[in-house]
Amino acid sequence: KSPLQTIGEEQTQNPYTELLVLKAHHDIVRFLVQLDDYRFASAGDDGIVVIWNAQTGEKLLELSGHTQKITAIITFPSLESCEEKNQLILTASADRTVWDCDTGRQVQRVSCFQSTVKCLTVLKRLDIWLSGGNDLCVWNRKLDLLCKTSHLSDTGISALVEIPKNCVIAAVGKELIIFRLVAPTEGSLEWEIIEVKRLLDHQDNILSLVNVNDKSFVTGSHVGELIIWDVLDWTMQAYERNFWDPSPQLDTQQEIKLCQKQNDISIHHFTCDEENVFAAVGRGLYVYNLQMKRVIACQKTAHDSNVLHIAKLPNRQLISCSEDGSVRIWELREKQQLTAEPVPTGFFNMWGFGRVNKQASQPVKKQQENATLCSLELIGDLIGHSSSVEMFLYFEDHGLVTCSADHLIILWKNGERESGLRSLKLFQKLEENGDLYLAV
């Protein structure tokens, strides 16, 4: 096991030096969703949705209606062509509820479902939304059921993503199922949802599914498989399971240890930019370069427990949160690999143990000799929660919002920026009262 990287109290590159603790929930807070530039909503196991001001931390609305825990939440913005601009919040529990996030009014509730909904997605262009449980249902803004599939699986749909040509991809166990939505026409007045193809390349349950860009999407499984797919023809573009450390410190005499836990290699979450896919793999963070089709940087032990959520920030920064209750800020730094190093291969060497294959240990030629590899350097450690941090939101102007199993939400503020804003307000107040000129 790699040692956990630590950072001292002098975190000069960590801007989040102030915090506000927001209390409103009575159970685990699992979800955060951004409504606009200054508001967000939180939801969790107490069945309550709370809308907050991201700048002040003020509780704006509390939406109570669910009797069981909330299992999914998503916003449903109005069409740009629509005169009435109102944004809705869809929440899933044992029932499906729609809220108006400006007034807090419960728009409608639906309870005619056979299974718990695990995921929601909005197809804004078609002004419809989909719910995924043991089947896939298609709804309009009025909560009319337009069409649905037959029973897909007892395990249910774990993730949904929209792709071109009116298609969606559903992760069901270790399968990816592609569906096409057919809108009403003159010949057919009803919506249809048609199964087009099943992709069976994963060896275990798919935990993560996100769009990378306009050309591809990525999936991650329970056994650490990362697969990048073409978004148009659904073919496999790249496959990675043998993650390796670009600068391994490997004892060639070290014996294989069979006590490694299975969940240590589960891919819990992805985030992407133009160049890389960032993967939360067990307790670690991996950076997979799309052009080079290989891992270019990693932190095998970024946290003490599984990493649950990651997000890419500006300035080559990455934020991660974990079951261990911590939130950490990383910087992706380039480093020139001056000499070719042995690169361990194979499943066990992904975690830095096992014997190195002699052939694989030879100096790597061409591409790896000239490659500029990167490192993930810890620049901030946010300690405030006492239990698992489920996810977070990043606001460019208002800071970072985290939610946790400790029932709390913490709004982390840029201390320097907040100090400047307070000084500005003070000067404005003095100027309004005329005290500024008296002081001068």
Protein backbone atom coordinates (compact mmCIF):
# COMPACT_ATOMS: atom_id res chain seq x y z
CA LYS A 1 0.00 0.00 0.00
CA SER A 2 1.33 3.44 -0.93
CA PRO A 3 1.66 5.93 1.94
CA LEU A 4 -1.03 8.61 2.20
CA GLN A 5 0.30 11.97 1.08
CA THR A 6 -0.04 14.67 3.73
CA ILE A 7 0.27 18.43 3.80
CA GLY A 8 1.17 20.76 6.65
CA GLU A 9 -0.86 23.58 8.14
CA GLU A 10 0.78 26.10 5.81
CA GLN A 11 -1.38 25.38 2.75
CA THR A 12 -0.30 28.38 0.70
CA GLN A 13 -2.09 27.24 -2.48
CA ASN A 14 -5.34 26.34 -0.73
CA PRO A 15 -7.75 29.31 -1.10
CA TYR A 16 -10.49 27.84 1.11
CA THR A 17 -9.58 29.26 4.51
CA GLU A 18 -13.10 30.13 5.70
CA LEU A 19 -16.16 27.94 6.08
CA LEU A 20 -19.87 28.13 6.83
CA VAL A 21 -21.66 25.10 8.32
CA LEU A 22 -25.21 24.75 6.99
CA LYS A 23 -27.70 22.75 9.05
CA ALA A 24 -31.13 21.70 7.82
CA HIS A 25 -31.03 17.94 7.19
CA HIS A 26 -31.63 15.16 9.72
CA ASP A 27 -29.95 12.29 7.87
CA ILE A 28 -27.25 11.58 5.26
CA VAL A 29 -27.01 14.33 2.63
CA ARG A 30 -26.19 12.51 -0.62
CA PHE A 31 -26.94 14.97 -3.41
CA LEU A 32 -26.12 18.53 -4.41
CA VAL A 33 -27.35 20.13 -7.63
CA GLN A 34 -26.59 23.61 -8.96
CA LEU A 35 -29.66 25.65 -9.92
CA ASP A 36 -27.94 28.79 -11.23
CA ASP A 37 -24.92 30.99 -10.51
CA TYR A 38 -25.90 31.60 -6.89
CA ARG A 39 -28.27 28.82 -5.77
CA PHE A 40 -28.01 25.10 -5.16
CA ALA A 41 -30.25 22.34 -3.77
CA SER A 42 -29.39 19.55 -1.34
CA ALA A 43 -31.19 16.24 -0.77
CA GLY A 44 -30.69 12.96 1.03
CA ASP A 45 -32.06 10.20 3.20
CA ASP A 46 -34.44 12.42 5.20
CA GLY A 47 -36.56 13.00 2.08
CA ILE A 48 -36.14 16.78 2.26
CA VAL A 49 -34.90 19.10 -0.50
CA VAL A 50 -33.36 22.37 0.68
CA ILE A 51 -32.51 25.31 -1.58
CA TRP A 52 -29.58 27.50 -0.47
CA ASN A 53 -27.90 30.76 -1.38
CA ALA A 54 -24.33 29.82 -2.32
CA GLN A 55 -22.94 33.25 -1.45
CA THR A 56 -24.43 33.76 2.01
CA GLY A 57 -25.34 30.19 3.04
CA GLU A 58 -28.92 31.33 3.67
CA LYS A 59 -31.64 28.68 3.50
CA LEU A 60 -34.10 29.91 0.89
CA LEU A 61 -36.67 27.10 0.70
CA GLU A 62 -37.35 23.71 2.28
CA LEU A 63 -39.30 21.22 0.17
CA SER A 64 -40.97 18.45 2.18
CA GLY A 65 -43.06 15.78 0.54
CA HIS A 66 -41.17 12.50 0.35
CA THR A 67 -41.70 9.94 3.08
CA GLN A 68 -38.60 7.91 2.15
CA LYS A 69 -35.02 8.73 1.20
CA ILE A 70 -34.33 10.54 -2.06
CA THR A 71 -32.48 8.36 -4.56
CA ALA A 72 -31.95 10.84 -7.43
CA ILE A 73 -32.32 14.55 -8.15
CA ILE A 74 -31.95 16.64 -11.31
CA THR A 75 -33.00 20.07 -12.62
CA PHE A 76 -35.39 20.47 -15.54
CA PRO A 77 -34.92 23.94 -17.07
CA SER A 78 -37.58 25.45 -19.30
CA LEU A 79 -37.05 25.67 -23.06
CA GLU A 80 -35.41 28.88 -24.31
CA SER A 81 -38.39 29.42 -26.60
CA CYS A 82 -40.81 29.19 -23.68
CA GLU A 83 -42.14 32.55 -22.47
CA GLU A 84 -42.57 31.42 -18.85
CA LYS A 85 -39.05 30.87 -17.48
CA ASN A 86 -39.38 28.50 -14.55
CA GLN A 87 -36.89 25.83 -13.55
CA LEU A 88 -38.16 22.57 -12.09
CA ILE A 89 -36.46 20.10 -9.76
CA LEU A 90 -37.17 16.39 -10.27
CA THR A 91 -36.64 14.18 -7.22
CA ALA A 92 -36.98 10.42 -7.05
CA SER A 93 -37.89 8.33 -4.03
CA ALA A 94 -40.61 5.73 -3.60
CA ASP A 95 -42.56 8.29 -5.65
CA ARG A 96 -41.54 10.85 -8.24
CA THR A 97 -42.05 14.50 -7.32
CA VAL A 98 -41.61 17.72 -9.30
CA TRP A 99 -40.95 21.04 -7.55
CA ASP A 100 -40.80 24.64 -8.71
CA CYS A 101 -37.42 25.79 -7.38
CA ASP A 102 -38.43 29.49 -7.42
CA THR A 103 -41.52 29.13 -5.24
CA GLY A 104 -40.98 25.77 -3.54
CA ARG A 105 -44.40 24.66 -4.76
CA GLN A 106 -44.86 20.93 -5.30
CA VAL A 107 -45.96 20.80 -8.94
CA GLN A 108 -46.98 17.16 -9.10
CA ARG A 109 -46.36 13.74 -7.58
CA VAL A 110 -46.37 10.38 -9.36
CA SER A 111 -46.45 7.07 -7.52
CA CYS A 112 -47.42 4.50 -10.19
CA PHE A 113 -44.01 2.79 -10.30
CA GLN A 114 -42.95 -0.80 -9.88
CA SER A 115 -39.38 -0.13 -8.66
CA THR A 116 -37.17 2.47 -7.03
CA VAL A 117 -35.69 4.98 -9.47
CA LYS A 118 -31.90 5.11 -9.26
CA CYS A 119 -31.20 7.76 -11.90
CA LEU A 120 -32.83 10.61 -13.79
CA THR A 121 -31.78 12.41 -16.95
CA VAL A 122 -33.25 15.30 -18.93
CA LEU A 123 -33.26 15.51 -22.73
CA LYS A 124 -33.65 19.27 -22.95
CA ARG A 125 -33.81 19.39 -26.74
CA LEU A 126 -36.88 17.10 -26.76
CA ASP A 127 -38.30 18.64 -23.55
CA ILE A 128 -38.66 15.21 -21.93
CA TRP A 129 -37.03 13.38 -19.04
CA LEU A 130 -36.22 9.75 -18.30
CA SER A 131 -36.28 7.71 -15.12
CA GLY A 132 -34.27 4.53 -14.69
CA GLY A 133 -35.25 1.72 -12.34
CA ASN A 134 -36.03 -1.88 -13.27
CA ASP A 135 -37.36 -0.38 -16.48
CA LEU A 136 -36.79 2.85 -18.42
CA CYS A 137 -39.63 5.38 -18.52
CA VAL A 138 -40.03 8.50 -20.68
CA TRP A 139 -42.00 11.50 -19.35
CA ASN A 140 -42.99 14.96 -20.48
CA ARG A 141 -42.94 18.17 -18.44
CA LYS A 142 -46.49 17.56 -17.21
CA LEU A 143 -45.41 14.17 -15.81
CA ASP A 144 -47.40 12.23 -18.39
CA LEU A 145 -45.85 8.79 -19.03
CA LEU A 146 -45.07 8.78 -22.76
CA CYS A 147 -43.66 5.26 -23.07
CA LYS A 148 -41.53 2.73 -21.23
CA THR A 149 -39.52 -0.43 -21.77
CA SER A 150 -40.33 -3.88 -20.47
CA HIS A 151 -38.67 -5.11 -17.27
CA LEU A 152 -34.90 -4.93 -17.88
CA SER A 153 -33.26 -6.26 -14.74
CA ASP A 154 -33.83 -6.78 -11.02
CA THR A 155 -30.61 -4.83 -10.34
CA GLY A 156 -32.01 -1.85 -12.21
CA ILE A 157 -30.46 0.94 -14.29
CA SER A 158 -27.52 2.50 -12.44
CA ALA A 159 -26.71 5.33 -14.89
CA LEU A 160 -28.16 7.08 -17.94
CA VAL A 161 -26.45 9.26 -20.55
CA GLU A 162 -27.79 11.02 -23.65
CA ILE A 163 -25.93 10.47 -26.93
CA PRO A 164 -26.61 11.70 -30.50
CA LYS A 165 -29.39 10.55 -32.84
CA ASN A 166 -32.08 10.66 -30.11
CA CYS A 167 -30.38 7.82 -28.25
CA VAL A 168 -29.59 7.13 -24.60
CA ILE A 169 -27.25 4.62 -22.98
CA ALA A 170 -28.32 2.76 -19.85
CA ALA A 171 -25.92 0.89 -17.58
CA VAL A 172 -27.68 -2.27 -16.38
CA GLY A 173 -25.44 -4.56 -14.34
CA LYS A 174 -22.41 -5.24 -16.53
CA GLU A 175 -24.29 -4.45 -19.76
CA LEU A 176 -24.70 -1.20 -21.68
CA ILE A 177 -28.04 -0.98 -23.46
CA ILE A 178 -28.57 1.60 -26.19
CA PHE A 179 -32.13 2.85 -26.72
CA ARG A 180 -33.50 5.10 -29.45
CA LEU A 181 -36.39 7.48 -28.76
CA VAL A 182 -38.89 7.92 -31.58
CA ALA A 183 -41.02 11.07 -31.36
CA PRO A 184 -44.63 11.15 -32.56
CA THR A 185 -45.20 11.63 -36.29
CA GLU A 186 -48.21 11.91 -38.57
CA GLY A 187 -48.23 8.15 -38.95
CA SER A 188 -47.74 7.41 -35.26
CA LEU A 189 -49.08 9.65 -32.51
CA GLU A 190 -47.28 7.82 -29.71
CA TRP A 191 -43.71 8.02 -28.42
CA GLU A 192 -41.65 4.86 -28.76
CA ILE A 193 -38.48 3.62 -27.08
CA ILE A 194 -36.61 0.96 -29.04
CA GLU A 195 -33.68 -1.17 -27.87
CA VAL A 196 -30.94 -0.85 -30.52
CA LYS A 197 -27.91 -2.69 -29.16
CA ARG A 198 -26.29 -4.28 -26.11
CA LEU A 199 -22.59 -3.88 -25.35
CA LEU A 200 -21.26 -6.83 -23.32
CA ASP A 201 -17.57 -5.99 -22.98
CA HIS A 202 -17.47 -5.33 -19.22
CA GLN A 203 -16.64 -8.23 -16.91
CA ASP A 204 -18.43 -6.82 -13.86
CA ASN A 205 -21.09 -4.29 -12.84
CA ILE A 206 -20.75 -0.81 -14.34
CA LEU A 207 -20.55 1.88 -11.65
CA SER A 208 -19.72 4.98 -13.73
CA LEU A 209 -20.93 6.30 -17.08
CA VAL A 210 -20.27 9.82 -18.42
CA ASN A 211 -19.85 11.65 -21.70
CA VAL A 212 -16.23 12.61 -22.42
CA ASN A 213 -16.87 14.93 -25.38
CA ASP A 214 -18.91 15.04 -28.61
CA LYS A 215 -17.10 11.96 -29.91
CA SER A 216 -16.90 9.54 -26.99
CA PHE A 217 -18.17 8.39 -23.61
CA VAL A 218 -16.46 6.41 -20.85
CA THR A 219 -17.55 3.62 -18.50
CA GLY A 220 -15.96 2.20 -15.36
CA SER A 221 -16.67 -1.07 -13.57
CA HIS A 222 -16.46 -2.73 -10.16
CA VAL A 223 -13.24 -4.54 -11.15
CA GLY A 224 -11.44 -1.44 -12.39
CA GLU A 225 -12.13 -1.61 -16.12
CA LEU A 226 -12.08 1.72 -17.95
CA ILE A 227 -13.54 1.61 -21.47
CA ILE A 228 -13.80 4.56 -23.86
CA TRP A 229 -16.49 4.20 -26.54
CA ASP A 230 -17.28 5.94 -29.81
CA VAL A 231 -20.48 7.92 -29.30
CA LEU A 232 -21.74 7.39 -32.88
CA ASP A 233 -21.02 3.75 -33.76
CA TRP A 234 -20.65 2.50 -30.12
CA THR A 235 -17.35 0.71 -30.80
CA MET A 236 -14.62 0.40 -28.20
CA GLN A 237 -11.89 3.03 -28.66
CA ALA A 238 -9.68 2.16 -25.70
CA TYR A 239 -9.58 -0.32 -22.81
CA GLU A 240 -7.57 0.10 -19.62
CA ARG A 241 -7.44 -2.21 -16.66
CA ASN A 242 -3.72 -2.48 -15.91
CA PHE A 243 -3.31 0.96 -14.38
CA TRP A 244 0.29 1.66 -13.51
CA ASP A 245 2.21 4.25 -11.51
CA PRO A 246 4.40 6.41 -13.80
CA SER A 247 7.10 6.45 -11.10
CA PRO A 248 6.78 3.07 -9.37
CA GLN A 249 8.82 2.12 -6.35
CA LEU A 250 8.55 -1.61 -6.74
CA ASP A 251 10.37 -4.27 -4.78
CA THR A 252 11.00 -7.00 -7.34
CA GLN A 253 11.27 -9.59 -4.57
CA GLN A 254 7.92 -8.65 -3.05
CA GLU A 255 5.45 -11.55 -2.95
CA ILE A 256 1.93 -11.29 -4.29
CA LYS A 257 -0.54 -10.43 -1.53
CA LEU A 258 -3.97 -11.92 -1.97
CA CYS A 259 -5.64 -9.90 0.77
CA GLN A 260 -6.33 -6.90 -1.49
CA LYS A 261 -9.99 -5.98 -1.14
CA GLN A 262 -12.14 -6.09 -4.25
CA ASN A 263 -13.57 -2.61 -3.72
CA ASP A 264 -10.06 -1.17 -3.81
CA ILE A 265 -10.23 -1.16 -7.61
CA SER A 266 -13.83 -0.06 -8.22
CA ILE A 267 -14.18 3.02 -10.43
CA HIS A 268 -16.66 5.15 -8.52
CA HIS A 269 -16.60 8.37 -10.53
CA PHE A 270 -15.22 10.11 -13.62
CA THR A 271 -14.59 13.68 -14.66
CA CYS A 272 -13.08 14.82 -17.97
CA ASP A 273 -11.48 17.69 -19.83
CA GLU A 274 -10.29 18.09 -23.44
CA GLU A 275 -7.18 15.97 -22.88
CA ASN A 276 -7.79 13.56 -20.01
CA VAL A 277 -10.22 11.33 -18.17
CA PHE A 278 -9.82 11.56 -14.39
CA ALA A 279 -10.90 8.39 -12.58
CA ALA A 280 -11.62 7.72 -8.91
CA VAL A 281 -10.31 4.16 -8.56
CA GLY A 282 -10.76 2.77 -5.07
CA ARG A 283 -8.77 5.03 -2.74
CA GLY A 284 -6.76 6.45 -5.63
CA LEU A 285 -6.88 8.98 -8.46
CA TYR A 286 -5.77 8.19 -12.00
CA VAL A 287 -5.31 10.49 -15.00
CA TYR A 288 -5.86 8.76 -18.35
CA ASN A 289 -4.70 10.66 -21.44
CA LEU A 290 -7.10 10.32 -24.37
CA GLN A 291 -4.54 10.86 -27.12
CA MET A 292 -1.80 8.65 -25.66
CA LYS A 293 -4.37 6.08 -24.44
CA ARG A 294 -2.58 5.44 -21.18
CA VAL A 295 -2.33 6.61 -17.59
CA ILE A 296 -0.01 9.59 -17.28
CA ALA A 297 -0.31 10.29 -13.53
CA CYS A 298 -1.78 8.78 -10.40
CA GLN A 299 -2.03 8.85 -6.64
CA LYS A 300 -2.62 5.25 -5.57
CA THR A 301 -3.62 6.28 -2.06
CA ALA A 302 -5.16 9.72 -2.43
CA HIS A 303 -7.44 9.09 0.57
CA ASP A 304 -7.69 6.60 3.44
CA SER A 305 -11.00 5.23 2.06
CA ASN A 306 -12.78 5.03 -1.28
CA VAL A 307 -12.96 8.21 -3.36
CA LEU A 308 -16.63 8.95 -4.08
CA HIS A 309 -16.58 12.10 -6.22
CA ILE A 310 -14.05 14.11 -8.24
CA ALA A 311 -14.18 17.28 -10.33
CA LYS A 312 -11.74 19.10 -12.58
CA LEU A 313 -11.17 22.76 -11.74
CA PRO A 314 -9.48 25.53 -13.73
CA ASN A 315 -5.68 25.88 -13.54
CA ARG A 316 -5.06 22.11 -13.84
CA GLN A 317 -6.55 21.44 -10.41
CA LEU A 318 -8.63 18.46 -9.25
CA ILE A 319 -10.83 18.07 -6.16
CA SER A 320 -11.70 14.72 -4.58
CA CYS A 321 -13.83 13.66 -1.61
CA SER A 322 -13.91 10.35 0.21
CA GLU A 323 -15.58 8.03 2.66
CA ASP A 324 -12.84 9.05 5.12
CA GLY A 325 -14.50 12.48 5.55
CA SER A 326 -11.81 14.50 3.77
CA VAL A 327 -11.86 16.80 0.77
CA ARG A 328 -8.52 17.24 -1.02
CA ILE A 329 -7.26 19.59 -3.72
CA TRP A 330 -4.65 18.38 -6.22
CA GLU A 331 -2.61 20.03 -8.93
CA LEU A 332 -1.64 18.20 -12.11
CA ARG A 333 2.01 19.07 -12.76
CA GLU A 334 4.11 18.09 -15.74
CA LYS A 335 7.44 16.40 -15.22
CA GLN A 336 9.90 15.38 -17.91
CA GLN A 337 10.80 11.71 -17.72
CA LEU A 338 14.54 11.92 -18.36
CA THR A 339 15.26 8.20 -18.34
CA ALA A 340 13.07 5.29 -19.26
CA GLU A 341 11.85 3.44 -16.19
CA PRO A 342 10.52 -0.09 -15.82
CA VAL A 343 6.78 -0.13 -16.19
CA PRO A 344 4.97 -2.86 -14.25
CA THR A 345 2.21 -4.65 -16.11
CA GLY A 346 -0.57 -6.94 -15.05
CA PHE A 347 -3.50 -6.70 -12.72
CA PHE A 348 -1.63 -6.99 -9.41
CA ASN A 349 1.04 -4.49 -10.37
CA MET A 350 -1.70 -1.90 -10.70
CA TRP A 351 -1.40 -1.63 -6.93
CA GLY A 352 2.37 -1.90 -6.70
CA PHE A 353 2.90 -5.51 -5.71
CA GLY A 354 3.77 -8.77 -7.39
CA ARG A 355 6.82 -9.81 -9.42
CA VAL A 356 7.76 -7.71 -12.43
CA ASN A 357 7.84 -9.49 -15.75
CA LYS A 358 11.41 -9.33 -17.07
CA GLN A 359 10.38 -8.51 -20.59
CA ALA A 360 8.05 -5.77 -19.42
CA SER A 361 10.81 -4.32 -17.23
CA GLN A 362 13.07 -3.46 -20.15
CA PRO A 363 13.46 0.24 -20.94
CA VAL A 364 10.44 1.43 -22.84
CA LYS A 365 11.18 2.83 -26.29
CA LYS A 366 10.10 5.78 -28.39
CA GLN A 367 6.81 7.07 -27.00
CA GLN A 368 7.61 6.56 -23.30
CA GLU A 369 11.20 7.79 -23.67
CA ASN A 370 9.99 11.15 -24.96
CA ALA A 371 6.71 11.33 -23.04
CA THR A 372 6.04 14.14 -20.61
CA LEU A 373 4.39 12.50 -17.62
CA CYS A 374 2.59 14.27 -14.82
CA SER A 375 2.22 14.07 -11.08
CA LEU A 376 -0.74 14.83 -8.83
CA GLU A 377 0.51 17.05 -6.01
CA LEU A 378 -1.58 17.69 -2.90
CA ILE A 379 -2.08 21.44 -2.38
CA GLY A 380 -5.06 21.51 -0.03
CA ASP A 381 -6.74 19.35 2.61
CA LEU A 382 -10.18 20.47 3.81
CA ILE A 383 -11.03 18.94 7.17
CA GLY A 384 -14.49 19.78 8.49
CA HIS A 385 -16.78 16.78 8.13
CA SER A 386 -16.87 13.97 10.69
CA SER A 387 -18.17 11.30 8.28
CA SER A 388 -18.17 10.28 4.61
CA VAL A 389 -18.26 13.22 2.15
CA GLU A 390 -20.74 12.12 -0.53
CA MET A 391 -20.17 14.81 -3.18
CA PHE A 392 -19.49 18.50 -3.75
CA LEU A 393 -20.24 21.45 -6.04
CA TYR A 394 -17.80 24.07 -7.28
CA PHE A 395 -18.90 27.68 -7.73
CA GLU A 396 -16.32 29.87 -9.43
CA ASP A 397 -17.41 32.98 -7.51
CA HIS A 398 -18.83 31.54 -4.30
CA GLY A 399 -16.54 28.66 -3.32
CA LEU A 400 -16.99 24.96 -2.73
CA VAL A 401 -20.03 23.15 -1.27
CA THR A 402 -19.69 19.70 0.32
CA CYS A 403 -22.34 17.34 1.74
CA SER A 404 -21.82 14.45 4.11
CA ALA A 405 -23.17 11.51 6.05
CA ASP A 406 -22.77 13.70 9.17
CA HIS A 407 -26.01 15.48 8.03
CA LEU A 408 -24.09 18.70 7.38
CA ILE A 409 -23.35 20.88 4.38
CA ILE A 410 -20.19 23.00 4.46
CA LEU A 411 -19.69 26.06 2.29
CA TRP A 412 -15.93 26.57 1.87
CA LYS A 413 -14.97 30.17 1.06
CA ASN A 414 -11.94 31.81 -0.51
CA GLY A 415 -10.66 33.69 2.54
CA GLU A 416 -8.76 36.33 0.61
CA ARG A 417 -11.73 37.08 -1.63
CA GLU A 418 -14.17 37.22 1.30
CA SER A 419 -11.87 39.58 3.20
CA GLY A 420 -11.73 41.86 0.16
CA LEU A 421 -15.53 41.84 -0.16
CA ARG A 422 -15.94 42.72 3.53
CA SER A 423 -13.50 45.61 3.19
CA LEU A 424 -15.31 46.86 0.10
CA LYS A 425 -18.68 46.75 1.88
CA LEU A 426 -17.20 48.61 4.84
CA PHE A 427 -15.82 51.38 2.64
CA GLN A 428 -19.14 51.63 0.78
CA LYS A 429 -21.00 51.97 4.07
CA LEU A 430 -18.60 54.61 5.37
CA GLU A 431 -18.94 56.51 2.11
CA GLU A 432 -22.74 56.39 2.27
CA ASN A 433 -22.70 57.76 5.84
CA GLY A 434 -20.09 60.38 5.06
CA ASP A 435 -17.78 58.87 7.69
CA LEU A 436 -15.10 58.11 5.12
CA TYR A 437 -14.43 61.79 4.40
CA LEU A 438 -14.45 62.64 8.12
CA ALA A 439 -11.87 59.91 8.73
CA VAL A 440 -9.68 61.29 5.92
